[in-house]
Every structure is written in structure tokens, then in C-alpha cells.
Amino acid sequence: MSLTLAAASLTRGKRRLLDRISLTLAQGEQAALIGPSGAGKSSLISLAATLAAPSNGYVSLLGEDPWRLGARARRALRARIACVWQTPPLPARQRVIHAVAAGRLGQSGTLAALARLVLPRDGAAIEQTLARVELAHKLWVRSDTLSGGERQRVGVARALYQAGELVLADEPVSALDPYLAAQTVRVLCEDARARGASLLMSLHSVELALAHFPRIIALRDGRVAFDLPSAEVDAARLAALYEGEQTAAAPLASPPATLLPARC
């Protein structure tokens, strides 16, 4: 299995963000997380990305319990996981080519990785990756000149370039117009499918989730409300999921902007 959560809970202070979540994501499987704001979608992605250890229960990533590994082994595990954040951590003065190249920082020794970041040797491959998200013309521009939607697509390009065995995406298209959002989700799904990678993506848009994912995992109040094939998700289930009072639990914060990939 690429990802397993067994009765996993996550708390912050006295607030429980996730409550005994159990699910598995098989190798090569693709699933979308949906649910109202505060349901726990971003917290679940953060837990899977090892931004926090579970308060209770068990998490397995690519067959490993990350919290039983030493620091070096955990870094090696994270290098096999690509993360896409709603607000990608892009240093202000960093060029787009370097931001995308950072996706592979963890896949070689520190000095070699930093050298490849400063002087990317595969600029053509990076440019081709940016072309998949319609940003090839931004190859050498600075990150602080990008719009919010462009920053999100650079984050997607970095994950595509990294080519992780497991891809975790937290609202990766929230700043994009409907056309670009659909195109970007399609590219992520097709890339993962072609490589046999697993993909878990949280989305506010139910329409995008149903259009692109065979499996829908719905969260509400930090718990799994339903976990079904997309063909079985009907209007009645969605109405029950989104209606009523919701908890105001905030997700874990996105990682800080550094040269390194986002803890993955």
C-alpha cells in the first residue's frame, strides 16, 4: 500500500482535527478528498506528508512507519513523496527554473543536489515540465513576480518533475480559473497513472473530483463520512455532507518557504 491510516487521530492543543481516520491507498490508486471547510482535508494531507505525527493510531507511507525511522531514513522516504500545496513555498527571489529543480533535491547527496539547484543541468526537461502547466514562458522569471495561480502551477510542475511514487496534493488549483483547474488536475492524474504512482488530492470542487477521480473520500468533522466509487456519490450524499453546522478547525499551516521541498 502507498498510504495506510489506521485509527489515526490528530490534535492541536485541545482541538481534535482528525478523529480515528482509517483508510488505505493502494499503489497506483487515485482518490479525491472532499468535504466542507474545516472537515479535516488539509490536516489529513499534512499528516500523510509527515508534517505532524499522529496523536493516536498508525500511519504507513510506502510500507514504512515514518515515525519509527531515523532522521536520514525519514528524509529518504520523503524524497519518494511529492507534495503540492495550496500556497507553494517559493522563496521570493528564486527563479522558476530553480523552484522546479528543487523537486529533486532529496534524491541525491546534499552537495550534488545544491549544485544542480544552482546550475540546473536539465533545463530542457524543466521547461517541458512547465509547458505541461502552460508556464514554459516563465522559466527564468522570479517567483515574487508570479500571480497566485501561476505559483500554484509552479508547485504542480515541481511535483511532476520530482516524479514521486506517492503524490499528495492539497487544493492545488484553488486559485485557477475553471479551464486551467480542470487541465491541471487532468495533468496530475494522467502523470500519476502513466508512472503507476498513487495520488491523493483534496479539492473544494466536487465537480472536479467526480470528473477525474474513480474514488471519493468525504470528510466531515475530522471523520470519514463516506468512501465510495465516484459513480455511487449521489446528490443526497453530497447534500448530507455539506449541510449543517461544521467545526471551525483550521488545518495545519503550510510549510515555510525554503530552498528545500516541503518536507517531502
C-alpha atoms as a PDB file:
ATOM      1  CA  MET A   1       0.000   0.000   0.000  1.00  0.00           C
ATOM      2  CA  SER A   2       1.159   3.554  -0.722  1.00  0.00           C
ATOM      3  CA  LEU A   3      -0.669   5.058   2.246  1.00  0.00           C
ATOM      4  CA  THR A   4      -2.363   3.495   5.252  1.00  0.00           C
ATOM      5  CA  LEU A   5      -4.017   5.282   8.147  1.00  0.00           C
ATOM      6  CA  ALA A   6      -5.291   3.053  10.941  1.00  0.00           C
ATOM      7  CA  ALA A   7      -7.482   4.778  13.528  1.00  0.00           C
ATOM      8  CA  ALA A   8      -5.227   7.841  13.139  1.00  0.00           C
ATOM      9  CA  SER A   9      -6.105  10.953  15.118  1.00  0.00           C
ATOM     10  CA  LEU A  10      -4.500  14.389  15.066  1.00  0.00           C
ATOM     11  CA  THR A  11      -4.930  17.005  17.752  1.00  0.00           C
ATOM     12  CA  ARG A  12      -3.641  20.533  18.239  1.00  0.00           C
ATOM     13  CA  GLY A  13      -3.951  21.731  21.794  1.00  0.00           C
ATOM     14  CA  LYS A  14      -7.406  20.680  22.897  1.00  0.00           C
ATOM     15  CA  ARG A  15      -8.783  20.637  19.362  1.00  0.00           C
ATOM     16  CA  ARG A  16      -9.089  17.354  17.502  1.00  0.00           C
ATOM     17  CA  LEU A  17      -8.505  17.876  13.771  1.00  0.00           C
ATOM     18  CA  LEU A  18      -8.787  14.228  12.744  1.00  0.00           C
ATOM     19  CA  ASP A  19     -10.690  11.588  14.678  1.00  0.00           C
ATOM     20  CA  ARG A  20      -9.767   7.909  14.185  1.00  0.00           C
ATOM     21  CA  ILE A  21      -9.307   8.036  10.412  1.00  0.00           C
ATOM     22  CA  SER A  22      -8.821   4.642   8.750  1.00  0.00           C
ATOM     23  CA  LEU A  23      -8.174   4.331   5.025  1.00  0.00           C
ATOM     24  CA  THR A  24      -5.751   2.814   2.562  1.00  0.00           C
ATOM     25  CA  LEU A  25      -4.497   3.968  -0.830  1.00  0.00           C
ATOM     26  CA  ALA A  26      -3.144   1.160  -2.984  1.00  0.00           C
ATOM     27  CA  GLN A  27      -0.126   1.530  -5.252  1.00  0.00           C
ATOM     28  CA  GLY A  28      -1.265   3.319  -8.399  1.00  0.00           C
ATOM     29  CA  GLU A  29      -4.655   4.279  -6.947  1.00  0.00           C
ATOM     30  CA  GLN A  30      -6.110   7.778  -7.255  1.00  0.00           C
ATOM     31  CA  ALA A  31      -8.587   9.303  -4.800  1.00  0.00           C
ATOM     32  CA  ALA A  32     -10.037  12.740  -4.118  1.00  0.00           C
ATOM     33  CA  LEU A  33     -10.765  14.180  -0.668  1.00  0.00           C
ATOM     34  CA  ILE A  34     -13.881  16.339  -0.449  1.00  0.00           C
ATOM     35  CA  GLY A  35     -15.834  17.902   2.373  1.00  0.00           C
ATOM     36  CA  PRO A  36     -16.822  21.273   3.851  1.00  0.00           C
ATOM     37  CA  SER A  37     -14.288  23.774   5.122  1.00  0.00           C
ATOM     38  CA  GLY A  38     -12.835  22.633   8.431  1.00  0.00           C
ATOM     39  CA  ALA A  39     -13.652  18.985   7.730  1.00  0.00           C
ATOM     40  CA  GLY A  40     -10.007  17.919   8.022  1.00  0.00           C
ATOM     41  CA  LYS A  41      -8.885  17.586   4.387  1.00  0.00           C
ATOM     42  CA  SER A  42      -5.739  19.687   4.719  1.00  0.00           C
ATOM     43  CA  SER A  43      -4.973  18.116   8.093  1.00  0.00           C
ATOM     44  CA  LEU A  44      -5.139  14.647   6.547  1.00  0.00           C
ATOM     45  CA  ILE A  45      -2.771  15.664   3.741  1.00  0.00           C
ATOM     46  CA  SER A  46      -0.436  17.205   6.329  1.00  0.00           C
ATOM     47  CA  LEU A  47      -0.490  14.017   8.376  1.00  0.00           C
ATOM     48  CA  ALA A  48       0.268  11.900   5.314  1.00  0.00           C
ATOM     49  CA  ALA A  49       3.091  14.283   4.390  1.00  0.00           C
ATOM     50  CA  THR A  50       4.691  13.772   7.838  1.00  0.00           C
ATOM     51  CA  LEU A  51       4.261  17.417   8.817  1.00  0.00           C
ATOM     52  CA  ALA A  52       2.915  16.054  12.097  1.00  0.00           C
ATOM     53  CA  ALA A  53       2.923  12.719  13.879  1.00  0.00           C
ATOM     54  CA  PRO A  54      -0.468  11.174  14.654  1.00  0.00           C
ATOM     55  CA  SER A  55      -1.715  11.772  18.186  1.00  0.00           C
ATOM     56  CA  ASN A  56      -3.089   8.225  18.160  1.00  0.00           C
ATOM     57  CA  GLY A  57      -3.187   5.408  15.664  1.00  0.00           C
ATOM     58  CA  TYR A  58      -0.813   4.468  12.884  1.00  0.00           C
ATOM     59  CA  VAL A  59       0.407   5.918   9.595  1.00  0.00           C
ATOM     60  CA  SER A  60       2.304   3.948   6.951  1.00  0.00           C
ATOM     61  CA  LEU A  61       3.889   5.545   3.880  1.00  0.00           C
ATOM     62  CA  LEU A  62       5.164   3.335   1.070  1.00  0.00           C
ATOM     63  CA  GLY A  63       5.307   0.442   3.514  1.00  0.00           C
ATOM     64  CA  GLU A  64       7.179   2.370   6.228  1.00  0.00           C
ATOM     65  CA  ASP A  65       6.158   3.928   9.521  1.00  0.00           C
ATOM     66  CA  PRO A  66       7.921   7.297   9.154  1.00  0.00           C
ATOM     67  CA  TRP A  67       7.941   7.912  12.898  1.00  0.00           C
ATOM     68  CA  ARG A  68       9.943   4.765  13.595  1.00  0.00           C
ATOM     69  CA  LEU A  69      12.685   5.735  11.157  1.00  0.00           C
ATOM     70  CA  GLY A  70      15.839   7.650  11.900  1.00  0.00           C
ATOM     71  CA  ALA A  71      16.263  11.155  10.511  1.00  0.00           C
ATOM     72  CA  ARG A  72      18.240  10.049   7.431  1.00  0.00           C
ATOM     73  CA  ALA A  73      15.814   7.248   6.553  1.00  0.00           C
ATOM     74  CA  ARG A  74      12.855   9.589   7.002  1.00  0.00           C
ATOM     75  CA  ARG A  75      14.425  12.110   4.601  1.00  0.00           C
ATOM     76  CA  ALA A  76      14.939   9.314   2.068  1.00  0.00           C
ATOM     77  CA  LEU A  77      11.288   8.324   2.424  1.00  0.00           C
ATOM     78  CA  ARG A  78      10.123  11.910   1.953  1.00  0.00           C
ATOM     79  CA  ALA A  79      12.161  12.139  -1.261  1.00  0.00           C
ATOM     80  CA  ARG A  80       9.848   9.472  -2.701  1.00  0.00           C
ATOM     81  CA  ILE A  81       6.742  11.567  -1.958  1.00  0.00           C
ATOM     82  CA  ALA A  82       5.758  14.626  -3.994  1.00  0.00           C
ATOM     83  CA  CYS A  83       3.656  17.283  -2.274  1.00  0.00           C
ATOM     84  CA  VAL A  84       1.638  20.063  -3.893  1.00  0.00           C
ATOM     85  CA  TRP A  85       0.423  22.782  -1.543  1.00  0.00           C
ATOM     86  CA  GLN A  86      -2.359  25.328  -1.956  1.00  0.00           C
ATOM     87  CA  THR A  87       0.253  28.009  -1.218  1.00  0.00           C
ATOM     88  CA  PRO A  88       3.524  26.604  -2.604  1.00  0.00           C
ATOM     89  CA  PRO A  89       6.644  27.516  -0.589  1.00  0.00           C
ATOM     90  CA  LEU A  90       8.553  29.551  -3.184  1.00  0.00           C
ATOM     91  CA  PRO A  91      11.324  31.878  -1.964  1.00  0.00           C
ATOM     92  CA  ALA A  92      10.771  35.404  -3.286  1.00  0.00           C
ATOM     93  CA  ARG A  93      13.996  35.767  -5.284  1.00  0.00           C
ATOM     94  CA  GLN A  94      14.095  32.220  -6.590  1.00  0.00           C
ATOM     95  CA  ARG A  95      13.796  31.720 -10.355  1.00  0.00           C
ATOM     96  CA  VAL A  96      11.087  29.385 -11.592  1.00  0.00           C
ATOM     97  CA  ILE A  97      13.658  27.010 -13.102  1.00  0.00           C
ATOM     98  CA  HIS A  98      15.257  26.614  -9.664  1.00  0.00           C
ATOM     99  CA  ALA A  99      11.882  26.238  -7.939  1.00  0.00           C
ATOM    100  CA  VAL A 100      11.030  23.299 -10.199  1.00  0.00           C
ATOM    101  CA  ALA A 101      14.531  21.803  -9.920  1.00  0.00           C
ATOM    102  CA  ALA A 102      14.084  21.782  -6.112  1.00  0.00           C
ATOM    103  CA  GLY A 103      11.672  18.897  -6.577  1.00  0.00           C
ATOM    104  CA  ARG A 104      14.630  16.536  -6.865  1.00  0.00           C
ATOM    105  CA  LEU A 105      16.763  17.963  -4.071  1.00  0.00           C
ATOM    106  CA  GLY A 106      16.233  14.982  -1.823  1.00  0.00           C
ATOM    107  CA  GLN A 107      17.110  12.397  -4.466  1.00  0.00           C
ATOM    108  CA  SER A 108      20.907  12.800  -4.331  1.00  0.00           C
ATOM    109  CA  GLY A 109      23.638  13.875  -1.908  1.00  0.00           C
ATOM    110  CA  THR A 110      23.392  17.331  -0.381  1.00  0.00           C
ATOM    111  CA  LEU A 111      26.274  18.967  -2.271  1.00  0.00           C
ATOM    112  CA  ALA A 112      25.300  17.433  -5.610  1.00  0.00           C
ATOM    113  CA  ALA A 113      21.677  18.434  -5.084  1.00  0.00           C
ATOM    114  CA  LEU A 114      22.550  22.031  -4.246  1.00  0.00           C
ATOM    115  CA  ALA A 115      24.863  22.233  -7.277  1.00  0.00           C
ATOM    116  CA  ARG A 116      22.061  21.002  -9.528  1.00  0.00           C
ATOM    117  CA  LEU A 117      19.743  23.561  -7.968  1.00  0.00           C
ATOM    118  CA  VAL A 118      22.091  26.493  -8.579  1.00  0.00           C
ATOM    119  CA  LEU A 119      23.074  25.340 -12.081  1.00  0.00           C
ATOM    120  CA  PRO A 120      20.321  23.031 -13.386  1.00  0.00           C
ATOM    121  CA  ARG A 121      21.754  20.661 -15.964  1.00  0.00           C
ATOM    122  CA  ASP A 122      18.387  19.572 -17.320  1.00  0.00           C
ATOM    123  CA  GLY A 123      16.820  22.932 -18.168  1.00  0.00           C
ATOM    124  CA  ALA A 124      15.134  21.469 -21.258  1.00  0.00           C
ATOM    125  CA  ALA A 125      13.321  18.856 -19.153  1.00  0.00           C
ATOM    126  CA  ILE A 126      12.250  21.521 -16.660  1.00  0.00           C
ATOM    127  CA  GLU A 127      10.963  23.713 -19.490  1.00  0.00           C
ATOM    128  CA  GLN A 128       8.998  20.767 -20.896  1.00  0.00           C
ATOM    129  CA  THR A 129       7.519  20.131 -17.469  1.00  0.00           C
ATOM    130  CA  LEU A 130       6.463  23.772 -17.188  1.00  0.00           C
ATOM    131  CA  ALA A 131       4.884  23.515 -20.627  1.00  0.00           C
ATOM    132  CA  ARG A 132       2.540  20.852 -19.259  1.00  0.00           C
ATOM    133  CA  VAL A 133       1.049  23.505 -16.960  1.00  0.00           C
ATOM    134  CA  GLU A 134       1.276  26.248 -19.629  1.00  0.00           C
ATOM    135  CA  LEU A 135       4.163  28.101 -17.960  1.00  0.00           C
ATOM    136  CA  ALA A 136       7.174  27.385 -20.175  1.00  0.00           C
ATOM    137  CA  HIS A 137       7.488  31.118 -20.866  1.00  0.00           C
ATOM    138  CA  LYS A 138       8.097  31.728 -17.126  1.00  0.00           C
ATOM    139  CA  LEU A 139      11.225  29.560 -16.919  1.00  0.00           C
ATOM    140  CA  TRP A 140      13.612  32.332 -15.804  1.00  0.00           C
ATOM    141  CA  VAL A 141      11.281  34.774 -14.039  1.00  0.00           C
ATOM    142  CA  ARG A 142      11.419  35.341 -10.275  1.00  0.00           C
ATOM    143  CA  SER A 143       8.853  33.704  -8.042  1.00  0.00           C
ATOM    144  CA  ASP A 144       7.810  37.017  -6.498  1.00  0.00           C
ATOM    145  CA  THR A 145       6.559  38.228  -9.905  1.00  0.00           C
ATOM    146  CA  LEU A 146       4.080  35.371 -10.266  1.00  0.00           C
ATOM    147  CA  SER A 147       0.351  35.534  -9.639  1.00  0.00           C
ATOM    148  CA  GLY A 148      -1.244  33.196  -7.124  1.00  0.00           C
ATOM    149  CA  GLY A 149      -2.430  30.873  -9.862  1.00  0.00           C
ATOM    150  CA  GLU A 150       0.991  30.825 -11.513  1.00  0.00           C
ATOM    151  CA  ARG A 151       2.608  29.965  -8.188  1.00  0.00           C
ATOM    152  CA  GLN A 152       0.231  27.044  -7.818  1.00  0.00           C
ATOM    153  CA  ARG A 153       1.136  25.764 -11.278  1.00  0.00           C
ATOM    154  CA  VAL A 154       4.849  26.061 -10.491  1.00  0.00           C
ATOM    155  CA  GLY A 155       4.171  23.913  -7.422  1.00  0.00           C
ATOM    156  CA  VAL A 156       2.445  21.364  -9.652  1.00  0.00           C
ATOM    157  CA  ALA A 157       5.374  21.444 -12.106  1.00  0.00           C
ATOM    158  CA  ARG A 158       7.799  20.792  -9.235  1.00  0.00           C
ATOM    159  CA  ALA A 159       5.808  17.704  -8.227  1.00  0.00           C
ATOM    160  CA  LEU A 160       5.673  16.486 -11.841  1.00  0.00           C
ATOM    161  CA  TYR A 161       9.440  16.926 -12.145  1.00  0.00           C
ATOM    162  CA  GLN A 162      10.027  15.122  -8.858  1.00  0.00           C
ATOM    163  CA  ALA A 163       8.018  12.113 -10.103  1.00  0.00           C
ATOM    164  CA  GLY A 164       7.265  10.736  -6.644  1.00  0.00           C
ATOM    165  CA  GLU A 165       5.828   7.292  -6.007  1.00  0.00           C
ATOM    166  CA  LEU A 166       3.082   8.951  -3.942  1.00  0.00           C
ATOM    167  CA  VAL A 167       1.664  12.387  -4.793  1.00  0.00           C
ATOM    168  CA  LEU A 168      -0.167  14.371  -2.096  1.00  0.00           C
ATOM    169  CA  ALA A 169      -1.972  17.490  -3.308  1.00  0.00           C
ATOM    170  CA  ASP A 170      -3.805  19.924  -1.033  1.00  0.00           C
ATOM    171  CA  GLU A 171      -6.155  22.199  -3.001  1.00  0.00           C
ATOM    172  CA  PRO A 172      -3.601  22.581  -5.817  1.00  0.00           C
ATOM    173  CA  VAL A 173      -5.922  24.501  -8.179  1.00  0.00           C
ATOM    174  CA  SER A 174      -7.906  26.779  -5.855  1.00  0.00           C
ATOM    175  CA  ALA A 175      -6.514  29.969  -7.490  1.00  0.00           C
ATOM    176  CA  LEU A 176      -7.071  28.825 -11.095  1.00  0.00           C
ATOM    177  CA  ASP A 177      -9.918  29.571 -13.464  1.00  0.00           C
ATOM    178  CA  PRO A 178     -12.195  26.601 -14.331  1.00  0.00           C
ATOM    179  CA  TYR A 179     -10.358  25.772 -17.583  1.00  0.00           C
ATOM    180  CA  LEU A 180      -6.865  25.792 -16.049  1.00  0.00           C
ATOM    181  CA  ALA A 181      -8.087  23.998 -12.936  1.00  0.00           C
ATOM    182  CA  ALA A 182      -9.514  21.124 -14.979  1.00  0.00           C
ATOM    183  CA  GLN A 183      -6.411  20.987 -17.181  1.00  0.00           C
ATOM    184  CA  THR A 184      -4.055  20.936 -14.202  1.00  0.00           C
ATOM    185  CA  VAL A 185      -5.965  18.219 -12.354  1.00  0.00           C
ATOM    186  CA  ARG A 186      -6.036  16.184 -15.563  1.00  0.00           C
ATOM    187  CA  VAL A 187      -2.249  16.517 -15.986  1.00  0.00           C
ATOM    188  CA  LEU A 188      -1.607  15.371 -12.408  1.00  0.00           C
ATOM    189  CA  CYS A 189      -3.930  12.392 -12.807  1.00  0.00           C
ATOM    190  CA  GLU A 190      -2.519  11.369 -16.185  1.00  0.00           C
ATOM    191  CA  ASP A 191       1.069  11.689 -14.981  1.00  0.00           C
ATOM    192  CA  ALA A 192       0.436   9.560 -11.902  1.00  0.00           C
ATOM    193  CA  ARG A 193      -1.420   6.965 -13.973  1.00  0.00           C
ATOM    194  CA  ALA A 194       1.368   6.754 -16.563  1.00  0.00           C
ATOM    195  CA  ARG A 195       4.003   6.194 -13.866  1.00  0.00           C
ATOM    196  CA  GLY A 196       1.940   3.870 -11.685  1.00  0.00           C
ATOM    197  CA  ALA A 197       2.138   6.391  -8.842  1.00  0.00           C
ATOM    198  CA  SER A 198      -0.559   6.918  -6.221  1.00  0.00           C
ATOM    199  CA  LEU A 199      -2.393  10.235  -5.951  1.00  0.00           C
ATOM    200  CA  LEU A 200      -4.435  11.715  -3.111  1.00  0.00           C
ATOM    201  CA  MET A 201      -5.831  15.196  -3.769  1.00  0.00           C
ATOM    202  CA  SER A 202      -8.076  17.409  -1.655  1.00  0.00           C
ATOM    203  CA  LEU A 203     -10.496  19.559  -3.645  1.00  0.00           C
ATOM    204  CA  HIS A 204     -13.202  22.079  -2.825  1.00  0.00           C
ATOM    205  CA  SER A 205     -14.732  21.467  -6.256  1.00  0.00           C
ATOM    206  CA  VAL A 206     -16.933  18.369  -6.137  1.00  0.00           C
ATOM    207  CA  GLU A 207     -17.332  18.615  -9.909  1.00  0.00           C
ATOM    208  CA  LEU A 208     -13.572  18.285 -10.472  1.00  0.00           C
ATOM    209  CA  ALA A 209     -13.356  15.406  -8.020  1.00  0.00           C
ATOM    210  CA  LEU A 210     -16.173  13.456  -9.674  1.00  0.00           C
ATOM    211  CA  ALA A 211     -14.879  14.166 -13.187  1.00  0.00           C
ATOM    212  CA  HIS A 212     -11.302  12.992 -12.614  1.00  0.00           C
ATOM    213  CA  PHE A 213     -11.183  10.511  -9.726  1.00  0.00           C
ATOM    214  CA  PRO A 214     -12.573   6.973  -9.522  1.00  0.00           C
ATOM    215  CA  ARG A 215     -12.694   7.099  -5.713  1.00  0.00           C
ATOM    216  CA  ILE A 216     -14.126   9.803  -3.466  1.00  0.00           C
ATOM    217  CA  ILE A 217     -13.279  10.059   0.234  1.00  0.00           C
ATOM    218  CA  ALA A 218     -15.538  12.508   2.055  1.00  0.00           C
ATOM    219  CA  LEU A 219     -14.606  14.043   5.405  1.00  0.00           C
ATOM    220  CA  ARG A 220     -16.790  15.824   7.904  1.00  0.00           C
ATOM    221  CA  ASP A 221     -15.817  16.946  11.400  1.00  0.00           C
ATOM    222  CA  GLY A 222     -12.488  15.136  11.131  1.00  0.00           C
ATOM    223  CA  ARG A 223     -14.046  11.767  10.291  1.00  0.00           C
ATOM    224  CA  VAL A 224     -14.699   9.776   7.132  1.00  0.00           C
ATOM    225  CA  ALA A 225     -18.320  10.426   6.132  1.00  0.00           C
ATOM    226  CA  PHE A 226     -18.147   8.052   3.160  1.00  0.00           C
ATOM    227  CA  ASP A 227     -15.555   6.372   0.957  1.00  0.00           C
ATOM    228  CA  LEU A 228     -17.086   5.334  -2.358  1.00  0.00           C
ATOM    229  CA  PRO A 229     -16.531   4.900  -6.086  1.00  0.00           C
ATOM    230  CA  SER A 230     -17.373   8.207  -7.746  1.00  0.00           C
ATOM    231  CA  ALA A 231     -20.300   6.593  -9.602  1.00  0.00           C
ATOM    232  CA  GLU A 232     -22.008   5.960  -6.259  1.00  0.00           C
ATOM    233  CA  VAL A 233     -21.741   9.531  -4.973  1.00  0.00           C
ATOM    234  CA  ASP A 234     -25.207  10.972  -5.478  1.00  0.00           C
ATOM    235  CA  ALA A 235     -26.895  14.291  -4.724  1.00  0.00           C
ATOM    236  CA  ALA A 236     -28.395  13.022  -1.463  1.00  0.00           C
ATOM    237  CA  ARG A 237     -24.993  12.028  -0.063  1.00  0.00           C
ATOM    238  CA  LEU A 238     -23.488  15.358  -1.064  1.00  0.00           C
ATOM    239  CA  ALA A 239     -26.365  17.305   0.493  1.00  0.00           C
ATOM    240  CA  ALA A 240     -25.924  15.425   3.767  1.00  0.00           C
ATOM    241  CA  LEU A 241     -22.154  16.053   3.642  1.00  0.00           C
ATOM    242  CA  TYR A 242     -22.304  19.803   3.106  1.00  0.00           C
ATOM    243  CA  GLU A 243     -25.414  20.843   5.011  1.00  0.00           C
ATOM    244  CA  GLY A 244     -25.470  21.825   8.684  1.00  0.00           C
ATOM    245  CA  GLU A 245     -23.043  23.332  11.147  1.00  0.00           C
ATOM    246  CA  GLN A 246     -19.359  22.483  10.685  1.00  0.00           C
ATOM    247  CA  THR A 247     -16.423  22.666  13.018  1.00  0.00           C
ATOM    248  CA  ALA A 248     -14.099  25.614  12.539  1.00  0.00           C
ATOM    249  CA  ALA A 249     -10.899  23.606  12.997  1.00  0.00           C
ATOM    250  CA  ALA A 250      -8.111  25.175  10.960  1.00  0.00           C
ATOM    251  CA  PRO A 251      -5.705  22.932   9.008  1.00  0.00           C
ATOM    252  CA  LEU A 252      -2.044  22.759   9.824  1.00  0.00           C
ATOM    253  CA  ALA A 253      -0.102  25.636   8.344  1.00  0.00           C
ATOM    254  CA  SER A 254       1.688  25.187   5.025  1.00  0.00           C
ATOM    255  CA  PRO A 255       5.437  24.692   5.370  1.00  0.00           C
ATOM    256  CA  PRO A 256       7.705  27.729   5.285  1.00  0.00           C
ATOM    257  CA  ALA A 257       9.326  28.986   2.094  1.00  0.00           C
ATOM    258  CA  THR A 258      12.767  27.443   1.905  1.00  0.00           C
ATOM    259  CA  LEU A 259      15.002  26.084  -0.805  1.00  0.00           C
ATOM    260  CA  LEU A 260      14.075  22.561   0.200  1.00  0.00           C
ATOM    261  CA  PRO A 261      10.881  20.819  -0.947  1.00  0.00           C
ATOM    262  CA  ALA A 262       8.011  20.957   1.532  1.00  0.00           C
ATOM    263  CA  ARG A 263       9.196  18.304   3.993  1.00  0.00           C
ATOM    264  CA  CYS A 264       8.742  15.664   1.284  1.00  0.00           C
END
